[in-house]
Amino acid sequence: MRSLLWLRDDLRVADNPALRAACERGEVLPLYILEDDSAGIRPLGGAARWWLHHSLRELADSFQQLGAQLVLRRGQAAEIIPELIDEHDIDAVFWNRRYGGPERAVDAELKSSLREAGLTAESFQANLLFEPWQLKTGSGGHYKVFTPFWRACLEQPEPRQPLAAPATVQGVSGVKGEALERWELLPTRPDWSGGLAEQWTPGETGATQGLEDFLDRHAEGYAVERDNPGIEATSRLSPHLRFGELSPFQVWHALRRTAAVAHEDSRVFISEIGWREFCWHLLYHHPDLASQNYRPEFDNFAWQPSSESELRAWQQGRTGYPMVDAGMRQLWQSGWMHNRVRMIVASFLVKNLLIDWRVGEKWFWDTLVDADAANNPANWQWVAGSGADASPYFRIFNPVTQSKKFDAEGSYLRRFLPELAEFDSKLIHEPWKAQPQLDESTEQEASYPVPIVELAASRQRALAAYDAMRGSDAPG
């Protein structure tokens, strides 16, 4: 018997239930389809496309070593999969579930049509510890607050053990695929990916090594040190989880097996996995999370038309506020940003600049290697105050206060802001106090810019806009 294995955000051979099911039946045709803007599915951003290229290359090597060929096709699954079924006498199709609205619609329609044609079509739980439809409040609705959501998750049966990778895969010969290079996923003219290549090893091997490194070197003390961007204290597993090179089941049980990790460190890290689950729970119930305010009252919020100069300053890391600028430059150089700093730069955009959160979400979507359809918009809406269990709008991150608290010695700032490398630990957080000679007309590229907005005034402007929104919602 021959099975088609349709791979999506599960680019691994270990702990892959769909692969296990296909191997148990006989011959397997592993397939990846690039669904660019297909059936409403959001096209990948530039950094994610870079990652995908390298992840697929390693996955193809893994399948080749196991005895099968990874077939690449571009287009719509509803057309490509039936063609391969007819051409190669396939009688079963397996895949691991995905949870975005357009993706679920594609999968459901395909599963229905395959079954109507007399084929086996099955999907599996592989990329979330808890299925979104299984978690309901006492009233039967979905959770909108993280703490009770995660409590309900932890009351569920223990997540299953990870599955071992198959020793061999009996492949299907003679299947024509497309060359990965023809997809042009890698950036050219210019090639801006040098920093990404220095920082990351996409693929299952890099994911496994990253998990081992975290448990050996960074898990101890995680609960306290994770907020300090100046030290290597986080897992950096997010892009591997985003592309499914590593499953949350593998992370969960690896942490449980590591006796050296203190209970509090383990609890806090697992809760971060829980936040990822919560974001997907929200997206499952609100498929338009990237485009519509979760809280509809924010439809009346008076976002300012984005100033081209202010937006560019934010994107390029030249706002004049070191913690914001260091974060944005880290993002551009590495395709990633420390989580604490993500909150700071997002707050600055939506509250100090009053630019719509969707503008920032799109920028992160294009520049983050770990941007996924759930975490990215859910986290932006959390900062903006428009999301579920959101940070209150009036809680505005002060980038100077945050900088002094979480990077007191300025090590993170110096790493990404070389023009401030010689500043002492007090002045580096407020360099304008040491640069009275700089004004808004300076054209010295090497000099550090003056602040583009004044924090106190922009904070008051944001609070006034919030009060006006609330007033517009008041009953007349």
Protein backbone atom coordinates (compact mmCIF):
# COMPACT_ATOMS: atom_id res chain seq x y z
CA MET A 1 0.00 0.00 0.00
CA ARG A 2 1.13 3.54 -0.75
CA SER A 3 0.57 6.60 1.41
CA LEU A 4 1.15 10.28 0.75
CA LEU A 5 2.58 12.19 3.71
CA TRP A 6 1.67 15.86 3.42
CA LEU A 7 4.15 17.91 5.47
CA ARG A 8 3.44 21.49 6.50
CA ASP A 9 4.66 23.10 9.75
CA ASP A 10 6.05 19.76 10.94
CA LEU A 11 9.40 19.57 9.21
CA ARG A 12 10.84 16.70 11.22
CA VAL A 13 11.08 12.91 11.15
CA ALA A 14 11.05 12.37 14.92
CA ASP A 15 7.74 12.65 16.80
CA ASN A 16 5.77 12.86 13.58
CA PRO A 17 2.51 10.92 13.99
CA ALA A 18 1.52 11.29 10.34
CA LEU A 19 4.86 9.87 9.23
CA ARG A 20 4.49 6.99 11.68
CA ALA A 21 1.03 6.15 10.31
CA ALA A 22 2.27 6.26 6.72
CA CYS A 23 5.29 4.05 7.44
CA GLU A 24 3.10 1.43 9.12
CA ARG A 25 1.13 0.93 5.89
CA GLY A 26 4.03 0.50 3.46
CA GLU A 27 5.48 2.86 0.85
CA VAL A 28 5.53 6.59 1.61
CA LEU A 29 5.60 9.65 -0.63
CA PRO A 30 6.66 12.64 1.52
CA LEU A 31 5.35 15.90 0.04
CA TYR A 32 5.76 19.58 0.85
CA ILE A 33 3.60 22.15 -0.96
CA LEU A 34 4.48 25.84 -1.01
CA GLU A 35 1.03 27.37 -0.70
CA ASP A 36 1.94 30.99 -1.43
CA ASP A 37 -1.26 33.03 -1.10
CA SER A 38 -3.23 29.88 -1.79
CA ALA A 39 -6.86 29.80 -0.65
CA GLY A 40 -6.32 32.78 1.63
CA ILE A 41 -3.27 31.32 3.39
CA ARG A 42 -0.92 34.11 4.40
CA PRO A 43 2.34 34.15 2.40
CA LEU A 44 5.50 33.79 4.46
CA GLY A 45 7.60 36.82 5.29
CA GLY A 46 11.14 37.21 4.02
CA ALA A 47 12.95 35.88 7.10
CA ALA A 48 10.63 32.87 7.34
CA ARG A 49 11.20 32.08 3.66
CA TRP A 50 14.95 32.04 4.32
CA TRP A 51 14.42 29.62 7.20
CA LEU A 52 12.08 27.42 5.19
CA HIS A 53 14.64 26.99 2.41
CA HIS A 54 17.28 25.66 4.78
CA SER A 55 14.85 23.57 6.80
CA LEU A 56 13.51 21.85 3.69
CA ARG A 57 17.03 21.17 2.47
CA GLU A 58 17.89 19.34 5.68
CA LEU A 59 14.56 17.51 5.72
CA ALA A 60 15.18 16.29 2.17
CA ASP A 61 18.58 14.97 3.28
CA SER A 62 16.96 13.20 6.24
CA PHE A 63 14.42 11.45 4.05
CA GLN A 64 17.09 10.49 1.56
CA GLN A 65 19.10 8.84 4.32
CA LEU A 66 15.99 6.98 5.46
CA GLY A 67 15.26 5.76 1.94
CA ALA A 68 12.67 8.16 0.53
CA GLN A 69 12.52 11.31 -1.60
CA LEU A 70 10.95 14.54 -0.31
CA VAL A 71 8.86 15.86 -3.19
CA LEU A 72 8.42 19.62 -3.52
CA ARG A 73 5.49 21.20 -5.35
CA ARG A 74 4.13 24.74 -5.49
CA GLY A 75 0.46 25.62 -5.78
CA GLN A 76 -2.84 24.48 -4.29
CA ALA A 77 -3.06 21.25 -2.34
CA ALA A 78 -6.55 20.56 -3.69
CA GLU A 79 -5.03 20.23 -7.16
CA ILE A 80 -1.58 18.80 -6.47
CA ILE A 81 -2.51 15.97 -4.12
CA PRO A 82 -5.20 14.40 -6.35
CA GLU A 83 -2.75 14.52 -9.27
CA LEU A 84 -0.11 12.64 -7.30
CA ILE A 85 -2.71 10.16 -6.09
CA ASP A 86 -3.70 9.33 -9.66
CA GLU A 87 -0.16 9.24 -11.02
CA HIS A 88 1.30 7.02 -8.31
CA ASP A 89 -1.54 4.80 -7.15
CA ILE A 90 -1.83 6.35 -3.69
CA ASP A 91 -4.59 5.00 -1.46
CA ALA A 92 -4.07 6.99 1.75
CA VAL A 93 -3.09 10.55 2.72
CA PHE A 94 -1.84 11.56 6.15
CA TRP A 95 -1.00 14.94 7.67
CA ASN A 96 -0.59 16.63 11.03
CA ARG A 97 -3.20 19.21 11.94
CA ARG A 98 -2.90 22.96 11.56
CA TYR A 99 -5.19 25.47 13.17
CA GLY A 100 -5.48 28.68 11.14
CA GLY A 101 -8.86 29.39 9.55
CA PRO A 102 -7.90 29.20 5.84
CA GLU A 103 -5.65 26.20 6.50
CA ARG A 104 -8.42 24.31 8.29
CA ALA A 105 -10.80 25.02 5.43
CA VAL A 106 -8.34 23.60 2.89
CA ASP A 107 -7.68 20.52 5.01
CA ALA A 108 -11.34 19.82 5.75
CA GLU A 109 -12.38 20.08 2.12
CA LEU A 110 -9.53 17.85 1.01
CA LYS A 111 -10.21 15.24 3.67
CA SER A 112 -13.88 15.14 2.70
CA SER A 113 -13.17 14.79 -1.02
CA LEU A 114 -10.56 12.07 -0.48
CA ARG A 115 -12.87 10.03 1.72
CA GLU A 116 -15.72 10.40 -0.75
CA ALA A 117 -13.38 8.97 -3.37
CA GLY A 118 -12.80 5.92 -1.17
CA LEU A 119 -9.33 6.82 0.09
CA THR A 120 -8.04 6.87 3.64
CA ALA A 121 -7.45 10.43 4.86
CA GLU A 122 -6.37 11.03 8.44
CA SER A 123 -4.96 13.94 10.44
CA PHE A 124 -3.04 13.86 13.72
CA GLN A 125 -2.23 15.99 16.75
CA ALA A 126 1.45 16.86 16.49
CA ASN A 127 2.13 20.57 16.98
CA LEU A 128 -0.01 21.52 19.98
CA LEU A 129 -0.12 19.80 23.35
CA PHE A 130 -3.84 20.47 23.71
CA GLU A 131 -6.40 20.65 20.92
CA PRO A 132 -8.23 24.02 20.92
CA TRP A 133 -11.70 22.51 20.66
CA GLN A 134 -11.15 20.33 23.72
CA LEU A 135 -10.63 23.24 26.11
CA LYS A 136 -13.86 24.94 27.14
CA THR A 137 -14.91 27.16 30.00
CA GLY A 138 -17.62 26.15 32.43
CA SER A 139 -20.17 27.92 30.23
CA GLY A 140 -18.97 26.06 27.13
CA GLY A 141 -17.11 28.96 25.52
CA HIS A 142 -13.43 29.36 24.78
CA TYR A 143 -10.91 30.79 27.20
CA LYS A 144 -10.06 34.48 26.88
CA VAL A 145 -7.71 34.75 29.86
CA PHE A 146 -4.41 32.89 30.01
CA THR A 147 -4.26 31.83 33.66
CA PRO A 148 -7.52 29.82 33.74
CA PHE A 149 -6.71 28.51 30.24
CA TRP A 150 -3.35 27.16 31.33
CA ARG A 151 -4.80 25.81 34.56
CA ALA A 152 -7.32 23.86 32.50
CA CYS A 153 -4.51 22.56 30.29
CA LEU A 154 -2.52 21.33 33.27
CA GLU A 155 -5.59 19.50 34.54
CA GLN A 156 -5.70 17.48 31.31
CA PRO A 157 -3.98 14.08 31.06
CA GLU A 158 -0.20 14.25 30.65
CA PRO A 159 0.77 14.98 27.01
CA ARG A 160 1.76 11.83 25.12
CA GLN A 161 5.37 10.69 24.88
CA PRO A 162 7.26 11.73 21.73
CA LEU A 163 7.51 9.17 18.93
CA ALA A 164 10.88 7.91 17.79
CA ALA A 165 12.02 8.64 14.25
CA PRO A 166 11.59 5.69 11.86
CA ALA A 167 14.68 3.61 11.17
CA THR A 168 13.81 3.53 7.47
CA VAL A 169 11.15 4.92 5.14
CA GLN A 170 10.13 2.85 2.13
CA GLY A 171 9.90 5.50 -0.55
CA VAL A 172 7.96 5.76 -3.80
CA SER A 173 10.25 5.98 -6.80
CA GLY A 174 9.82 7.99 -9.98
CA VAL A 175 7.98 10.99 -8.51
CA LYS A 176 8.77 14.32 -10.13
CA GLY A 177 9.26 17.30 -7.86
CA GLU A 178 10.46 20.88 -8.18
CA ALA A 179 13.96 22.10 -7.40
CA LEU A 180 14.06 24.02 -4.12
CA GLU A 181 16.25 26.73 -5.69
CA ARG A 182 13.51 27.53 -8.23
CA TRP A 183 11.29 28.75 -5.41
CA GLU A 184 13.72 31.62 -4.79
CA LEU A 185 13.11 31.66 -1.05
CA LEU A 186 16.53 33.12 -0.34
CA PRO A 187 17.01 36.90 -0.52
CA THR A 188 19.02 38.42 -3.35
CA ARG A 189 19.72 41.97 -4.50
CA PRO A 190 20.67 42.41 -1.72
CA ASP A 191 21.29 39.26 0.25
CA TRP A 192 20.55 40.48 3.77
CA SER A 193 20.68 37.01 5.35
CA GLY A 194 24.32 36.94 6.48
CA GLY A 195 23.43 37.71 10.08
CA LEU A 196 20.74 35.03 10.10
CA ALA A 197 23.18 32.42 8.82
CA GLU A 198 25.64 33.33 11.59
CA GLN A 199 22.98 33.01 14.29
CA TRP A 200 20.90 30.01 13.31
CA THR A 201 20.99 26.40 12.16
CA PRO A 202 17.56 25.71 10.65
CA GLY A 203 16.38 22.12 10.57
CA GLU A 204 15.70 19.24 12.90
CA THR A 205 19.37 18.77 13.83
CA GLY A 206 19.68 22.39 14.92
CA ALA A 207 16.41 22.13 16.83
CA THR A 208 17.51 19.03 18.74
CA GLN A 209 20.87 20.58 19.54
CA GLY A 210 19.19 23.82 20.60
CA LEU A 211 16.97 21.99 23.08
CA GLU A 212 19.94 20.11 24.51
CA ASP A 213 21.96 23.32 24.83
CA PHE A 214 19.13 25.08 26.62
CA LEU A 215 18.67 22.27 29.12
CA ASP A 216 22.41 21.98 29.73
CA ARG A 217 23.35 25.65 29.85
CA HIS A 218 20.40 28.03 30.25
CA ALA A 219 17.44 26.28 31.89
CA GLU A 220 18.92 26.68 35.36
CA GLY A 221 18.03 30.20 36.48
CA TYR A 222 15.59 30.71 33.61
CA ALA A 223 12.80 32.07 35.82
CA VAL A 224 14.99 34.99 36.95
CA GLU A 225 17.36 35.57 34.05
CA ARG A 226 14.97 35.29 31.08
CA ASP A 227 14.11 39.00 31.28
CA ASN A 228 17.71 40.14 30.89
CA PRO A 229 18.45 40.62 27.17
CA GLY A 230 22.15 41.14 27.79
CA ILE A 231 22.81 37.49 28.66
CA GLU A 232 22.06 34.21 26.88
CA ALA A 233 19.28 33.00 29.15
CA THR A 234 16.42 32.06 26.83
CA SER A 235 15.89 28.90 24.80
CA ARG A 236 15.81 30.45 21.29
CA LEU A 237 13.65 27.47 20.30
CA SER A 238 10.82 29.58 18.90
CA PRO A 239 11.73 29.30 15.18
CA HIS A 240 12.25 25.55 15.52
CA LEU A 241 8.81 25.21 17.09
CA ARG A 242 7.31 27.51 14.48
CA PHE A 243 8.46 25.26 11.63
CA GLY A 244 7.82 22.06 13.53
CA GLU A 245 11.44 20.96 13.54
CA LEU A 246 10.79 20.31 17.21
CA SER A 247 7.47 19.39 18.78
CA PRO A 248 6.10 20.73 22.07
CA PHE A 249 5.81 17.10 23.20
CA GLN A 250 9.57 16.73 22.85
CA VAL A 251 10.15 19.94 24.81
CA TRP A 252 7.67 19.02 27.54
CA HIS A 253 9.12 15.58 28.23
CA ALA A 254 12.76 16.62 27.82
CA LEU A 255 12.23 19.20 30.53
CA ARG A 256 10.47 16.70 32.74
CA ARG A 257 13.40 14.27 32.36
CA THR A 258 16.03 16.85 33.27
CA ALA A 259 16.36 16.56 37.02
CA ALA A 260 18.92 19.37 37.20
CA VAL A 261 16.30 22.00 36.28
CA ALA A 262 14.74 23.54 39.36
CA HIS A 263 10.98 23.34 39.74
CA GLU A 264 10.44 27.08 39.38
CA ASP A 265 12.59 27.30 36.24
CA SER A 266 10.71 24.37 34.74
CA ARG A 267 7.33 25.81 35.69
CA VAL A 268 8.06 29.21 34.17
CA PHE A 269 9.48 27.79 30.95
CA ILE A 270 6.56 25.39 30.50
CA SER A 271 4.21 28.33 31.00
CA GLU A 272 5.88 29.97 27.98
CA ILE A 273 4.96 26.88 25.98
CA GLY A 274 1.51 27.38 27.47
CA TRP A 275 1.35 30.95 26.14
CA ARG A 276 2.09 29.56 22.66
CA GLU A 277 -0.81 27.14 23.14
CA PHE A 278 -3.04 30.02 24.26
CA CYS A 279 -2.22 32.06 21.14
CA TRP A 280 -3.19 29.15 18.90
CA HIS A 281 -6.34 28.66 20.96
CA LEU A 282 -7.23 32.28 20.24
CA LEU A 283 -6.47 32.00 16.53
CA TYR A 284 -8.56 28.85 16.23
CA HIS A 285 -11.58 30.72 17.56
CA HIS A 286 -10.71 34.04 15.86
CA PRO A 287 -9.13 33.32 12.45
CA ASP A 288 -8.88 37.04 11.62
CA LEU A 289 -6.59 37.75 14.57
CA ALA A 290 -3.94 39.42 12.36
CA SER A 291 -6.37 41.88 10.80
CA GLN A 292 -9.19 42.56 13.26
CA ASN A 293 -9.17 43.82 16.83
CA TYR A 294 -10.04 41.00 19.21
CA ARG A 295 -11.77 43.59 21.38
CA PRO A 296 -14.10 45.42 18.96
CA GLU A 297 -14.12 48.62 21.01
CA PHE A 298 -10.65 49.27 19.62
CA ASP A 299 -12.23 49.71 16.20
CA ASN A 300 -12.91 53.25 17.45
CA PHE A 301 -9.36 53.93 18.55
CA ALA A 302 -7.84 57.01 16.88
CA TRP A 303 -4.57 55.63 15.53
CA GLN A 304 -2.46 58.34 13.94
CA PRO A 305 -1.63 58.08 10.24
CA SER A 306 1.81 56.53 10.36
CA SER A 307 4.48 59.14 9.86
CA GLU A 308 6.89 57.82 7.25
CA SER A 309 9.89 59.26 9.06
CA GLU A 310 8.85 57.96 12.49
CA LEU A 311 7.99 54.51 11.16
CA ARG A 312 11.30 54.31 9.30
CA ALA A 313 13.17 55.40 12.44
CA TRP A 314 11.47 52.62 14.39
CA GLN A 315 12.16 50.01 11.71
CA GLN A 316 15.81 51.00 11.39
CA GLY A 317 16.49 51.34 15.10
CA ARG A 318 17.05 55.09 15.10
CA THR A 319 14.36 56.37 17.46
CA GLY A 320 16.85 57.81 19.94
CA TYR A 321 15.80 55.38 22.67
CA PRO A 322 18.58 52.79 23.07
CA MET A 323 16.48 49.83 24.21
CA VAL A 324 14.06 50.28 21.32
CA ASP A 325 16.86 50.76 18.81
CA ALA A 326 18.95 47.85 20.07
CA GLY A 327 15.95 45.56 19.74
CA MET A 328 15.11 46.67 16.22
CA ARG A 329 18.70 46.28 15.11
CA GLN A 330 18.89 42.83 16.69
CA LEU A 331 15.78 41.94 14.71
CA TRP A 332 17.26 43.11 11.43
CA GLN A 333 20.61 41.46 12.02
CA SER A 334 19.41 38.12 13.36
CA GLY A 335 15.72 37.72 12.47
CA TRP A 336 14.93 37.44 16.17
CA MET A 337 14.46 39.63 19.21
CA HIS A 338 14.52 39.00 22.94
CA ASN A 339 10.96 38.67 24.24
CA ARG A 340 11.19 41.43 26.85
CA VAL A 341 12.50 43.78 24.18
CA ARG A 342 9.70 42.78 21.79
CA MET A 343 7.20 44.13 24.30
CA ILE A 344 9.16 47.36 24.68
CA VAL A 345 9.50 48.09 20.95
CA ALA A 346 5.87 47.17 20.32
CA SER A 347 4.65 49.44 23.11
CA PHE A 348 6.75 52.28 21.73
CA LEU A 349 5.21 51.94 18.28
CA VAL A 350 1.57 51.66 19.28
CA LYS A 351 1.58 53.98 22.29
CA ASN A 352 4.38 56.51 21.99
CA LEU A 353 3.97 56.83 18.21
CA LEU A 354 0.24 55.93 18.10
CA ILE A 355 0.80 53.74 15.02
CA ASP A 356 -1.71 50.95 14.46
CA TRP A 357 -0.52 47.60 15.88
CA ARG A 358 -1.18 45.97 12.48
CA VAL A 359 1.69 47.99 10.98
CA GLY A 360 4.09 46.55 13.53
CA GLU A 361 2.64 43.07 13.19
CA LYS A 362 3.31 43.12 9.45
CA TRP A 363 6.90 44.27 9.99
CA PHE A 364 7.54 41.48 12.46
CA TRP A 365 5.86 39.01 10.11
CA ASP A 366 8.37 39.90 7.42
CA THR A 367 11.49 40.11 9.58
CA LEU A 368 11.14 37.46 12.31
CA VAL A 369 12.28 33.91 11.66
CA ASP A 370 9.77 32.72 14.28
CA ALA A 371 6.73 34.73 13.18
CA ASP A 372 3.72 32.43 13.09
CA ALA A 373 0.05 33.04 12.42
CA ALA A 374 -0.95 32.88 16.09
CA ASN A 375 1.85 34.24 18.28
CA ASN A 376 2.66 37.25 16.15
CA PRO A 377 -0.79 38.92 16.04
CA ALA A 378 -1.82 37.72 19.51
CA ASN A 379 1.27 39.26 21.08
CA TRP A 380 0.88 42.52 19.17
CA GLN A 381 -2.73 42.75 20.26
CA TRP A 382 -1.69 41.97 23.83
CA VAL A 383 0.66 44.96 23.87
CA ALA A 384 -1.84 47.21 22.08
CA GLY A 385 -4.54 46.41 24.63
CA SER A 386 -6.92 45.20 21.92
CA GLY A 387 -6.35 41.48 22.45
CA ALA A 388 -7.47 38.72 24.79
CA ASP A 389 -6.12 38.93 28.33
CA ALA A 390 -4.35 42.03 27.09
CA SER A 391 -2.00 44.30 28.92
CA PRO A 392 -4.16 47.30 29.88
CA TYR A 393 -3.76 50.06 27.33
CA PHE A 394 -2.68 52.50 30.01
CA ARG A 395 0.27 50.23 30.93
CA ILE A 396 2.89 51.86 28.74
CA PHE A 397 6.41 50.47 28.75
CA ASN A 398 8.91 53.25 29.43
CA PRO A 399 11.95 52.25 27.32
CA VAL A 400 14.37 54.09 29.61
CA THR A 401 13.02 52.57 32.80
CA GLN A 402 12.93 49.13 31.20
CA SER A 403 16.48 49.55 29.94
CA LYS A 404 17.82 50.49 33.35
CA LYS A 405 15.96 47.65 35.04
CA PHE A 406 16.74 44.79 32.67
CA ASP A 407 20.08 45.85 31.14
CA ALA A 408 21.57 47.89 33.95
CA GLU A 409 25.17 47.65 32.72
CA GLY A 410 24.16 48.27 29.10
CA SER A 411 25.71 45.08 27.70
CA TYR A 412 22.76 44.46 25.36
CA LEU A 413 22.78 48.07 24.21
CA ARG A 414 26.50 48.05 23.44
CA ARG A 415 26.18 44.86 21.42
CA PHE A 416 23.77 46.39 18.94
CA LEU A 417 24.51 50.11 19.22
CA PRO A 418 28.26 50.44 18.53
CA GLU A 419 27.98 54.24 18.53
CA LEU A 420 27.20 54.02 22.25
CA ALA A 421 29.85 51.42 23.09
CA GLU A 422 32.03 53.87 25.04
CA PHE A 423 29.21 55.34 27.13
CA ASP A 424 29.24 54.55 30.82
CA SER A 425 26.49 52.44 32.38
CA LYS A 426 24.50 55.45 33.56
CA LEU A 427 24.48 57.60 30.45
CA ILE A 428 24.02 54.79 27.95
CA HIS A 429 20.32 54.53 28.78
CA GLU A 430 19.79 58.27 28.14
CA PRO A 431 22.53 59.27 25.69
CA TRP A 432 20.89 62.58 24.82
CA LYS A 433 22.00 63.83 28.22
CA ALA A 434 25.61 63.42 27.09
CA GLN A 435 25.06 64.70 23.54
CA PRO A 436 23.77 68.26 23.83
CA GLN A 437 25.55 69.08 20.60
CA LEU A 438 23.20 66.85 18.61
CA ASP A 439 19.97 68.27 17.33
CA GLU A 440 17.27 67.05 15.00
CA SER A 441 19.07 68.39 11.96
CA THR A 442 22.21 66.30 12.43
CA GLU A 443 23.19 64.30 9.37
CA GLN A 444 26.07 62.42 10.94
CA GLU A 445 25.22 58.79 10.24
CA ALA A 446 27.71 57.56 12.83
CA SER A 447 26.18 59.65 15.62
CA TYR A 448 23.30 58.45 17.71
CA PRO A 449 20.00 60.22 16.97
CA VAL A 450 18.09 62.38 19.39
CA PRO A 451 14.71 61.02 20.56
CA ILE A 452 12.00 61.33 17.91
CA VAL A 453 9.27 61.88 20.52
CA GLU A 454 9.20 62.99 24.13
CA LEU A 455 8.15 60.13 26.40
CA ALA A 456 5.93 62.00 28.86
CA ALA A 457 4.09 63.97 26.18
CA SER A 458 3.57 60.95 23.92
CA ARG A 459 2.33 58.94 26.89
CA GLN A 460 -0.27 61.58 27.69
CA ARG A 461 -1.33 61.66 24.04
CA ALA A 462 -1.85 57.89 24.10
CA LEU A 463 -3.88 58.01 27.31
CA ALA A 464 -6.03 60.80 25.89
CA ALA A 465 -6.72 58.71 22.78
CA TYR A 466 -7.65 55.77 25.01
CA ASP A 467 -10.01 57.93 27.09
CA ALA A 468 -11.60 59.26 23.91
CA MET A 469 -12.18 55.71 22.67
CA ARG A 470 -13.81 54.75 25.94
CA GLY A 471 -15.96 57.85 25.81
CA SER A 472 -17.12 57.00 22.30
CA ASP A 473 -18.26 53.59 23.60
CA ALA A 474 -20.23 55.09 26.47
CA PRO A 475 -24.01 54.76 26.17
CA GLY A 476 -25.57 57.90 24.79
